Amino acid sequence: MYNISIPISTSSLNLIREDMLKKEEILKTLELLSGILGNNVKWIVGASSALFVHGLDILPNDIDIIIDIKDYDKAISLLKESLPTDTSYIKEKQKITFEISQVSVDLLAFDISSNDIEYKNIGSTTIPVNSLQNELLFYKQRTDKKDASQRKISLIEEELSRKNF
């Protein structure tokens, strides 16, 4: 039996630790949001955070929560009731950004079709997430961040191919 060691620099180890901590915070934040929004409103996780929940090798910069446009005001009320009073919100037209445990969350209003929702388990929490097929369409239509979008398109296509879609 061989003992093989691969030298890893301290800075590389620190980056790996930071990524692991960020993933943990994202998962905790998703569980918290699920507890608040639950079945009270129609919502899904979208964009890179949806790819993360689907298990693709993506570390999102933030969490995008898409609320059905009919439930948007109710979702904002639920969040404001449940989050600490010192939570700051940046409001734009049909988009609110706030932070939970150092994770940026964008709350967006769109029409959501029940056919587009898939459910994934994170620990003991079930999370509604946008389908990979919808995410593929989203990234193919996106005109900004072309390089990042192309990488995500490749990852989605590989996963869909693996699942025989």
Protein backbone atom coordinates (compact mmCIF):
# COMPACT_ATOMS: atom_id res chain seq x y z
CA MET A 1 0.00 0.00 0.00
CA TYR A 2 1.28 3.42 -0.94
CA ASN A 3 1.02 6.53 1.13
CA ILE A 4 0.56 9.42 -1.24
CA SER A 5 0.45 12.96 0.00
CA ILE A 6 -0.39 15.94 -2.11
CA PRO A 7 0.97 19.24 -0.87
CA ILE A 8 -1.75 21.86 -0.46
CA SER A 9 -0.87 25.41 0.37
CA THR A 10 -2.31 27.14 3.42
CA SER A 11 -4.08 29.63 1.19
CA SER A 12 -5.73 26.77 -0.75
CA LEU A 13 -6.86 25.15 2.50
CA ASN A 14 -8.27 28.48 3.66
CA LEU A 15 -10.23 28.86 0.42
CA ILE A 16 -11.62 25.34 0.80
CA ARG A 17 -12.65 26.11 4.39
CA GLU A 18 -14.26 29.39 3.32
CA ASP A 19 -16.23 27.61 0.57
CA MET A 20 -17.40 24.95 3.04
CA LEU A 21 -18.49 27.59 5.53
CA LYS A 22 -20.31 29.55 2.82
CA LYS A 23 -22.11 26.39 1.68
CA GLU A 24 -23.15 25.71 5.28
CA GLU A 25 -24.47 29.26 5.69
CA ILE A 26 -26.38 29.02 2.42
CA LEU A 27 -27.99 25.73 3.51
CA LYS A 28 -28.90 27.16 6.93
CA THR A 29 -30.37 30.25 5.30
CA LEU A 30 -32.44 28.14 2.89
CA GLU A 31 -33.77 26.10 5.81
CA LEU A 32 -34.65 29.31 7.68
CA LEU A 33 -36.39 30.80 4.64
CA SER A 34 -38.33 27.57 4.14
CA GLY A 35 -39.49 27.76 7.74
CA ILE A 36 -40.73 31.30 7.24
CA LEU A 37 -42.26 30.99 3.78
CA GLY A 38 -43.24 27.32 3.96
CA ASN A 39 -46.60 26.69 2.34
CA ASN A 40 -47.79 30.23 3.09
CA VAL A 41 -46.77 31.52 -0.33
CA LYS A 42 -45.80 30.01 -3.68
CA TRP A 43 -42.01 30.29 -3.94
CA ILE A 44 -38.97 28.62 -5.43
CA VAL A 45 -35.22 28.87 -5.24
CA GLY A 46 -33.84 30.12 -8.57
CA ALA A 47 -30.69 30.98 -10.51
CA SER A 48 -27.30 29.76 -9.22
CA SER A 49 -28.79 28.88 -5.85
CA ALA A 50 -31.20 26.51 -7.65
CA LEU A 51 -28.25 24.85 -9.36
CA PHE A 52 -26.58 24.50 -5.94
CA VAL A 53 -29.72 22.88 -4.47
CA HIS A 54 -29.87 20.53 -7.48
CA GLY A 55 -26.35 19.39 -6.55
CA LEU A 56 -24.37 21.02 -9.34
CA ASP A 57 -20.83 22.17 -8.60
CA ILE A 58 -21.80 25.82 -8.07
CA LEU A 59 -21.17 28.08 -5.11
CA PRO A 60 -23.71 30.89 -5.39
CA ASN A 61 -22.84 34.45 -4.43
CA ASP A 62 -26.35 34.91 -3.08
CA ILE A 63 -29.71 33.19 -2.78
CA ASP A 64 -32.41 34.07 -5.27
CA ILE A 65 -35.90 33.42 -3.96
CA ILE A 66 -38.62 33.79 -6.55
CA ILE A 67 -42.06 34.52 -5.13
CA ASP A 68 -45.20 34.21 -7.19
CA ILE A 69 -46.22 37.75 -8.03
CA LYS A 70 -49.62 37.26 -6.32
CA ASP A 71 -47.88 36.34 -3.04
CA TYR A 72 -45.05 38.87 -3.12
CA ASP A 73 -46.45 41.36 -0.57
CA LYS A 74 -47.44 38.53 1.77
CA ALA A 75 -43.92 37.06 1.55
CA ILE A 76 -42.38 40.42 2.42
CA SER A 77 -44.67 40.70 5.45
CA LEU A 78 -43.80 37.18 6.62
CA LEU A 79 -40.10 37.90 6.32
CA LYS A 80 -40.32 41.25 8.11
CA GLU A 81 -42.25 39.60 10.96
CA SER A 82 -39.74 36.77 11.29
CA LEU A 83 -36.34 38.35 10.72
CA PRO A 84 -34.52 40.48 13.29
CA THR A 85 -35.77 44.06 13.42
CA ASP A 86 -32.33 45.40 12.50
CA THR A 87 -32.39 43.56 9.14
CA SER A 88 -31.90 46.15 6.41
CA TYR A 89 -33.75 45.85 3.14
CA ILE A 90 -32.88 47.38 -0.21
CA LYS A 91 -36.08 47.66 -2.22
CA GLU A 92 -36.25 48.01 -5.97
CA LYS A 93 -39.21 47.39 -8.24
CA GLN A 94 -40.27 43.79 -7.55
CA LYS A 95 -36.95 42.98 -5.92
CA ILE A 96 -35.83 43.22 -2.32
CA THR A 97 -32.33 42.40 -1.12
CA PHE A 98 -31.49 41.60 2.48
CA GLU A 99 -28.91 39.62 4.42
CA ILE A 100 -29.27 36.62 6.71
CA SER A 101 -26.17 35.25 8.46
CA GLN A 102 -23.88 37.05 6.02
CA VAL A 103 -25.73 35.54 3.04
CA SER A 104 -27.28 38.00 0.59
CA VAL A 105 -30.84 37.11 -0.38
CA ASP A 106 -32.71 38.54 -3.37
CA LEU A 107 -36.49 38.27 -3.20
CA LEU A 108 -37.91 38.53 -6.73
CA ALA A 109 -41.49 38.62 -8.03
CA PHE A 110 -42.42 36.51 -11.07
CA ASP A 111 -45.25 34.27 -12.18
CA ILE A 112 -44.55 30.71 -11.05
CA SER A 113 -46.13 27.71 -12.73
CA SER A 114 -46.65 24.71 -10.45
CA ASN A 115 -45.27 22.57 -13.30
CA ASP A 116 -41.88 24.25 -12.91
CA ILE A 117 -41.43 23.41 -9.23
CA GLU A 118 -39.29 20.50 -8.11
CA TYR A 119 -38.75 19.61 -4.47
CA LYS A 120 -35.35 18.81 -3.01
CA ASN A 121 -34.48 17.79 0.54
CA ILE A 122 -31.87 19.68 2.51
CA GLY A 123 -31.49 17.81 5.75
CA SER A 124 -35.03 17.44 7.06
CA THR A 125 -36.29 20.45 5.08
CA THR A 126 -37.99 20.22 1.70
CA ILE A 127 -37.11 23.12 -0.58
CA PRO A 128 -39.11 24.11 -3.70
CA VAL A 129 -36.64 24.74 -6.49
CA ASN A 130 -36.88 25.83 -10.11
CA SER A 131 -36.48 22.95 -12.55
CA LEU A 132 -33.15 22.46 -14.30
CA GLN A 133 -34.96 22.77 -17.64
CA ASN A 134 -36.16 26.27 -16.67
CA GLU A 135 -32.73 27.24 -15.41
CA LEU A 136 -31.23 26.11 -18.71
CA LEU A 137 -33.63 28.38 -20.61
CA PHE A 138 -32.87 31.25 -18.21
CA TYR A 139 -29.11 30.99 -18.68
CA LYS A 140 -29.37 30.57 -22.46
CA GLN A 141 -31.41 33.78 -22.67
CA ARG A 142 -29.20 35.75 -20.32
CA THR A 143 -27.18 38.46 -22.05
CA ASP A 144 -24.95 39.57 -19.16
CA LYS A 145 -22.23 37.48 -17.51
CA LYS A 146 -21.76 35.35 -20.65
CA ASP A 147 -18.74 33.36 -19.38
CA ALA A 148 -20.38 32.44 -16.08
CA SER A 149 -23.63 31.62 -17.86
CA GLN A 150 -21.84 29.36 -20.36
CA ARG A 151 -20.24 27.37 -17.53
CA LYS A 152 -23.64 26.96 -15.88
CA ILE A 153 -25.24 25.95 -19.18
CA SER A 154 -22.62 23.22 -19.60
CA LEU A 155 -23.16 21.95 -16.05
CA ILE A 156 -26.95 21.91 -16.49
CA GLU A 157 -26.75 20.13 -19.85
CA GLU A 158 -24.41 17.51 -18.38
CA GLU A 159 -26.79 16.91 -15.47
CA LEU A 160 -29.86 16.72 -17.73
CA SER A 161 -28.02 14.32 -20.03
CA ARG A 162 -27.06 12.21 -17.04
CA LYS A 163 -30.75 12.12 -16.02
CA ASN A 164 -31.75 11.30 -19.64
CA PHE A 165 -33.73 14.50 -20.24
